[in-house]
C-alpha atoms as a PDB file:
ATOM      1  CA  MET A   1       2.074  -7.730  -1.842  1.00  0.00           C
ATOM      2  CA  LYS A   2       1.812 -10.781   0.364  1.00  0.00           C
ATOM      3  CA  VAL A   3      -1.245 -13.047   0.292  1.00  0.00           C
ATOM      4  CA  GLN A   4      -2.498 -15.650   2.751  1.00  0.00           C
ATOM      5  CA  MET A   5      -5.557 -17.604   1.774  1.00  0.00           C
ATOM      6  CA  THR A   6      -7.841 -20.400   2.847  1.00  0.00           C
ATOM      7  CA  ARG A   7     -11.356 -21.199   1.655  1.00  0.00           C
ATOM      8  CA  ASP A   8     -12.796 -18.923   4.370  1.00  0.00           C
ATOM      9  CA  THR A   9     -10.126 -16.212   4.684  1.00  0.00           C
ATOM     10  CA  LEU A  10      -8.178 -14.011   2.285  1.00  0.00           C
ATOM     11  CA  VAL A  11      -5.490 -11.650   3.628  1.00  0.00           C
ATOM     12  CA  LEU A  12      -3.658  -9.136   1.418  1.00  0.00           C
ATOM     13  CA  ASP A  13      -0.745  -7.390   3.071  1.00  0.00           C
ATOM     14  CA  SER A  14       1.090  -4.460   1.480  1.00  0.00           C
ATOM     15  CA  GLN A  15       4.229  -3.261   3.247  1.00  0.00           C
ATOM     16  CA  PRO A  16       6.077  -0.432   1.481  1.00  0.00           C
ATOM     17  CA  TRP A  17       9.611  -1.466   2.437  1.00  0.00           C
ATOM     18  CA  SER A  18      11.176  -0.004  -0.689  1.00  0.00           C
ATOM     19  CA  VAL A  19       9.537   3.409  -0.169  1.00  0.00           C
ATOM     20  CA  SER A  20      10.630   3.463   3.474  1.00  0.00           C
ATOM     21  CA  ILE A  21      14.207   2.468   2.677  1.00  0.00           C
ATOM     22  CA  ILE A  22      14.470   5.058  -0.108  1.00  0.00           C
ATOM     23  CA  MET A  23      13.085   7.799   2.163  1.00  0.00           C
ATOM     24  CA  VAL A  24      15.480   6.933   5.025  1.00  0.00           C
ATOM     25  CA  ALA A  25      18.408   6.860   2.558  1.00  0.00           C
ATOM     26  CA  ALA A  26      17.373  10.277   1.207  1.00  0.00           C
ATOM     27  CA  ILE A  27      17.158  11.708   4.734  1.00  0.00           C
ATOM     28  CA  LEU A  28      20.629  10.350   5.551  1.00  0.00           C
ATOM     29  CA  CYS A  29      22.094  11.727   2.286  1.00  0.00           C
ATOM     30  CA  VAL A  30      20.612  15.184   2.866  1.00  0.00           C
ATOM     31  CA  ALA A  31      21.761  15.180   6.511  1.00  0.00           C
ATOM     32  CA  GLY A  32      25.259  14.012   5.523  1.00  0.00           C
ATOM     33  CA  THR A  33      25.525  16.664   2.828  1.00  0.00           C
ATOM     34  CA  GLY A  34      24.355  19.348   5.256  1.00  0.00           C
ATOM     35  CA  LEU A  35      26.871  18.262   7.868  1.00  0.00           C
ATOM     36  CA  MET A  36      29.686  18.200   5.279  1.00  0.00           C
ATOM     37  CA  LEU A  37      28.763  21.704   4.148  1.00  0.00           C
ATOM     38  CA  ILE A  38      28.714  23.000   7.720  1.00  0.00           C
ATOM     39  CA  GLY A  39      32.011  21.228   8.437  1.00  0.00           C
ATOM     40  CA  GLY A  40      33.527  22.844   5.322  1.00  0.00           C
ATOM     41  CA  GLY A  41      32.509  26.314   6.469  1.00  0.00           C
ATOM     42  CA  VAL A  42      29.459  26.705   4.191  1.00  0.00           C
ATOM     43  CA  ILE A  43      27.095  27.372   7.068  1.00  0.00           C
ATOM     44  CA  LEU A  44      23.882  28.742   5.515  1.00  0.00           C
ATOM     45  CA  PRO A  45      23.290  26.069   2.822  1.00  0.00           C
ATOM     46  CA  GLY A  46      24.247  23.310   5.274  1.00  0.00           C
ATOM     47  CA  THR A  47      21.886  24.668   7.894  1.00  0.00           C
ATOM     48  CA  LEU A  48      19.085  24.965   5.335  1.00  0.00           C
ATOM     49  CA  LEU A  49      19.574  21.343   4.284  1.00  0.00           C
ATOM     50  CA  LEU A  50      19.457  20.178   7.887  1.00  0.00           C
ATOM     51  CA  GLY A  51      16.722  22.554   8.990  1.00  0.00           C
ATOM     52  CA  LEU A  52      14.396  22.296   5.992  1.00  0.00           C
ATOM     53  CA  GLY A  53      15.419  19.349   3.816  1.00  0.00           C
ATOM     54  CA  CYS A  54      15.507  16.676   6.507  1.00  0.00           C
ATOM     55  CA  PRO A  55      12.186  17.638   8.150  1.00  0.00           C
ATOM     56  CA  VAL A  56      10.393  17.776   4.776  1.00  0.00           C
ATOM     57  CA  LEU A  57      11.723  14.331   3.832  1.00  0.00           C
ATOM     58  CA  PHE A  58      10.772  13.038   7.273  1.00  0.00           C
ATOM     59  CA  LEU A  59       7.198  14.293   6.766  1.00  0.00           C
ATOM     60  CA  PHE A  60       7.111  12.408   3.452  1.00  0.00           C
ATOM     61  CA  LEU A  61       8.290   9.298   5.304  1.00  0.00           C
ATOM     62  CA  LEU A  62       5.538   9.694   7.892  1.00  0.00           C
ATOM     63  CA  THR A  63       2.851   9.911   5.226  1.00  0.00           C
ATOM     64  CA  LEU A  64       4.164   7.524   2.562  1.00  0.00           C
ATOM     65  CA  ALA A  65       5.303   4.625   4.750  1.00  0.00           C
ATOM     66  CA  ARG A  66       1.892   3.042   5.148  1.00  0.00           C
ATOM     67  CA  ARG A  67       1.166  -0.641   5.748  1.00  0.00           C
ATOM     68  CA  ASN A  68      -2.192  -1.803   4.418  1.00  0.00           C
ATOM     69  CA  GLN A  69      -3.873  -5.071   5.215  1.00  0.00           C
ATOM     70  CA  LEU A  70      -7.171  -6.308   3.801  1.00  0.00           C
ATOM     71  CA  VAL A  71      -8.764  -9.270   5.582  1.00  0.00           C
ATOM     72  CA  LEU A  72     -11.807 -10.937   4.040  1.00  0.00           C
ATOM     73  CA  ASP A  73     -13.392 -13.489   6.377  1.00  0.00           C
ATOM     74  CA  ARG A  74     -16.375 -15.562   5.222  1.00  0.00           C
ATOM     75  CA  ARG A  75     -17.073 -17.151   8.616  1.00  0.00           C
ATOM     76  CA  ALA A  76     -17.236 -13.809  10.448  1.00  0.00           C
ATOM     77  CA  ASN A  77     -18.782 -12.073   7.390  1.00  0.00           C
ATOM     78  CA  GLU A  78     -16.198  -9.303   7.744  1.00  0.00           C
ATOM     79  CA  LEU A  79     -14.151  -7.073   5.507  1.00  0.00           C
ATOM     80  CA  ARG A  80     -11.397  -5.641   7.701  1.00  0.00           C
ATOM     81  CA  HIS A  81      -9.136  -2.945   6.197  1.00  0.00           C
ATOM     82  CA  ARG A  82      -6.217  -2.002   8.453  1.00  0.00           C
ATOM     83  CA  ARG A  83      -3.803   0.896   7.876  1.00  0.00           C
ATOM     84  CA  ARG A  84      -0.712   1.538   9.940  1.00  0.00           C
ATOM     85  CA  THR A  85       1.661   4.483   9.600  1.00  0.00           C
ATOM     86  CA  LEU A  86       4.420   5.787  11.823  1.00  0.00           C
ATOM     87  CA  LEU A  87       1.773   8.125  13.237  1.00  0.00           C
ATOM     88  CA  GLY A  88      -0.921   5.629  14.120  1.00  0.00           C
ATOM     89  CA  TYR A  89      -3.365   2.867  13.273  1.00  0.00           C
ATOM     90  CA  GLY A  90      -6.754   2.836  11.620  1.00  0.00           C
ATOM     91  CA  GLU A  91      -9.240   0.102  10.842  1.00  0.00           C
ATOM     92  CA  ARG A  92     -12.486  -0.104   8.877  1.00  0.00           C
ATOM     93  CA  VAL A  93     -14.738  -3.115   9.471  1.00  0.00           C
ATOM     94  CA  LEU A  94     -17.682  -3.786   7.187  1.00  0.00           C
ATOM     95  CA  PRO A  95     -19.903  -6.775   6.470  1.00  0.00           C
ATOM     96  CA  LEU A  96     -18.244  -8.925   3.795  1.00  0.00           C
ATOM     97  CA  ASP A  97     -21.498  -9.224   1.884  1.00  0.00           C
ATOM     98  CA  ARG A  98     -21.251  -5.465   1.190  1.00  0.00           C
ATOM     99  CA  LEU A  99     -18.133  -6.093  -0.917  1.00  0.00           C
ATOM    100  CA  GLU A 100     -19.111  -6.207  -4.576  1.00  0.00           C
ATOM    101  CA  ARG A 101     -15.702  -6.560  -6.272  1.00  0.00           C
ATOM    102  CA  ALA A 102     -12.100  -5.403  -6.469  1.00  0.00           C
ATOM    103  CA  ILE A 103     -11.012  -3.017  -9.207  1.00  0.00           C
ATOM    104  CA  VAL A 104      -7.759  -1.602 -10.537  1.00  0.00           C
ATOM    105  CA  GLN A 105      -7.386   2.155 -10.903  1.00  0.00           C
ATOM    106  CA  ASP A 106      -4.825   3.191 -13.523  1.00  0.00           C
ATOM    107  CA  LEU A 107      -2.699   6.309 -13.193  1.00  0.00           C
ATOM    108  CA  PRO A 108      -3.575   8.502 -16.188  1.00  0.00           C
ATOM    109  CA  ASP A 109      -1.083   8.535 -19.069  1.00  0.00           C
ATOM    110  CA  THR A 110       0.821   5.430 -17.899  1.00  0.00           C
ATOM    111  CA  GLU A 111      -0.986   2.948 -20.166  1.00  0.00           C
ATOM    112  CA  GLY A 112      -1.700   0.633 -17.237  1.00  0.00           C
ATOM    113  CA  ARG A 113       1.909   0.453 -15.996  1.00  0.00           C
ATOM    114  CA  SER A 114       1.088   2.246 -12.724  1.00  0.00           C
ATOM    115  CA  CYS A 115      -2.078   1.381 -10.853  1.00  0.00           C
ATOM    116  CA  ARG A 116      -3.560   0.725  -7.453  1.00  0.00           C
ATOM    117  CA  LEU A 117      -6.060  -1.665  -5.950  1.00  0.00           C
ATOM    118  CA  ALA A 118      -9.489  -0.507  -4.790  1.00  0.00           C
ATOM    119  CA  TYR A 119     -12.666  -2.251  -3.726  1.00  0.00           C
ATOM    120  CA  VAL A 120     -16.254  -1.419  -4.559  1.00  0.00           C
ATOM    121  CA  LEU A 121     -19.090  -1.804  -2.067  1.00  0.00           C
ATOM    122  CA  ARG A 122     -22.688  -2.553  -2.888  1.00  0.00           C
ATOM    123  CA  PRO A 123     -24.992   0.472  -2.638  1.00  0.00           C
ATOM    124  CA  GLY A 124     -25.615   1.565   0.929  1.00  0.00           C
ATOM    125  CA  ALA A 125     -24.409   4.062   3.485  1.00  0.00           C
ATOM    126  CA  GLU A 126     -20.757   4.002   2.373  1.00  0.00           C
ATOM    127  CA  GLN A 127     -20.138   4.381  -1.334  1.00  0.00           C
ATOM    128  CA  GLY A 128     -16.802   3.625  -2.947  1.00  0.00           C
ATOM    129  CA  PRO A 129     -14.546   2.727  -4.481  1.00  0.00           C
ATOM    130  CA  TRP A 130     -12.302   2.520  -1.417  1.00  0.00           C
ATOM    131  CA  LEU A 131      -8.566   2.520  -1.986  1.00  0.00           C
ATOM    132  CA  PHE A 132      -6.517  -0.373  -0.662  1.00  0.00           C
ATOM    133  CA  THR A 133      -3.359   1.735  -1.031  1.00  0.00           C
ATOM    134  CA  TRP A 134      -2.958   5.403  -1.826  1.00  0.00           C
ATOM    135  CA  ALA A 135       0.253   4.839  -3.733  1.00  0.00           C
ATOM    136  CA  PHE A 136       0.421   3.593  -7.299  1.00  0.00           C
ATOM    137  CA  SER A 137       2.668   0.623  -8.100  1.00  0.00           C
ATOM    138  CA  SER A 138       3.555  -1.610 -11.021  1.00  0.00           C
ATOM    139  CA  GLY A 139       0.560  -3.081 -12.801  1.00  0.00           C
ATOM    140  CA  PRO A 140       0.822  -6.891 -12.984  1.00  0.00           C
ATOM    141  CA  PRO A 141       0.866  -7.701  -9.223  1.00  0.00           C
ATOM    142  CA  VAL A 142      -1.983  -5.255  -8.579  1.00  0.00           C
ATOM    143  CA  ARG A 143      -4.056  -6.778 -11.385  1.00  0.00           C
ATOM    144  CA  ARG A 144      -3.389 -10.296 -10.079  1.00  0.00           C
ATOM    145  CA  ALA A 145      -4.478  -9.188  -6.591  1.00  0.00           C
ATOM    146  CA  ALA A 146      -7.757  -7.776  -7.950  1.00  0.00           C
ATOM    147  CA  ASP A 147      -8.367 -10.967  -9.930  1.00  0.00           C
ATOM    148  CA  LEU A 148      -7.583 -13.054  -6.845  1.00  0.00           C
ATOM    149  CA  ILE A 149     -10.065 -11.105  -4.686  1.00  0.00           C
ATOM    150  CA  ASN A 150     -12.790 -11.370  -7.324  1.00  0.00           C
ATOM    151  CA  ASP A 151     -12.186 -15.095  -7.825  1.00  0.00           C
ATOM    152  CA  TRP A 152     -12.149 -15.661  -4.056  1.00  0.00           C
ATOM    153  CA  LEU A 153     -15.456 -13.805  -3.693  1.00  0.00           C
ATOM    154  CA  ARG A 154     -16.961 -16.146  -6.274  1.00  0.00           C
ATOM    155  CA  GLY A 155     -15.489 -19.104  -4.365  1.00  0.00           C
ATOM    156  CA  GLY A 156     -13.260 -20.208  -7.240  1.00  0.00           C
ATOM    157  CA  VAL A 157      -9.650 -19.886  -6.036  1.00  0.00           C
ATOM    158  CA  ALA A 158      -7.506 -22.658  -4.649  1.00  0.00           C
ATOM    159  CA  PRO A 159      -5.016 -21.654  -1.918  1.00  0.00           C
ATOM    160  CA  SER A 160      -2.110 -22.668  -4.193  1.00  0.00           C
ATOM    161  CA  ALA A 161      -2.779 -19.681  -6.504  1.00  0.00           C
ATOM    162  CA  ALA A 162      -2.295 -17.114  -3.786  1.00  0.00           C
ATOM    163  CA  ARG A 163       0.955 -15.368  -4.713  1.00  0.00           C
ATOM    164  CA  VAL A 164       0.608 -12.021  -6.481  1.00  0.00           C
ATOM    165  CA  ASP A 165       4.115 -10.564  -6.431  1.00  0.00           C
ATOM    166  CA  SER A 166       6.024  -9.697  -9.598  1.00  0.00           C
ATOM    167  CA  VAL A 167       7.313 -13.264  -9.995  1.00  0.00           C
ATOM    168  CA  GLY A 168       3.864 -14.555 -10.865  1.00  0.00           C
ATOM    169  CA  PRO A 169       1.468 -17.113  -9.431  1.00  0.00           C
ATOM    170  CA  SER A 170       3.095 -19.929  -7.496  1.00  0.00           C
ATOM    171  CA  GLY A 171       2.501 -22.090  -4.477  1.00  0.00           C
END
């Protein structure tokens, strides 16, 4: 997760490069295996791999490869949540003063090792929590991101503490 921060703006950017690369590699492996089977005279299993395996993996790629960006802007009083997939783009814009806090949702039975970031809105027309990402990931960077958002909302974070990847806070 990449973070850009000033006193007035906080941007969290999640790009699932590893998921995308793994899915493309799986599609290529299944396609290669199918072609080898067909080339070796094993027509039906090879055709099934190409005709069913590759499209199913491609559908997973379309749904799982999702870029999320959360922009909190004090000057414009905006919370802007952008989502981009291979199929399209979506954006939710809300008043920043509706944002109450960020939370971490743990995947059951993982003892906090797998979690995802969500944000909670103050009571109103849209209740939450709203997910920043649908996918679960390793805990420490997600927890640091939630802490960073909450500290930023309180006005207590210096821009030098803005890195939340697995290496830890740095400038």
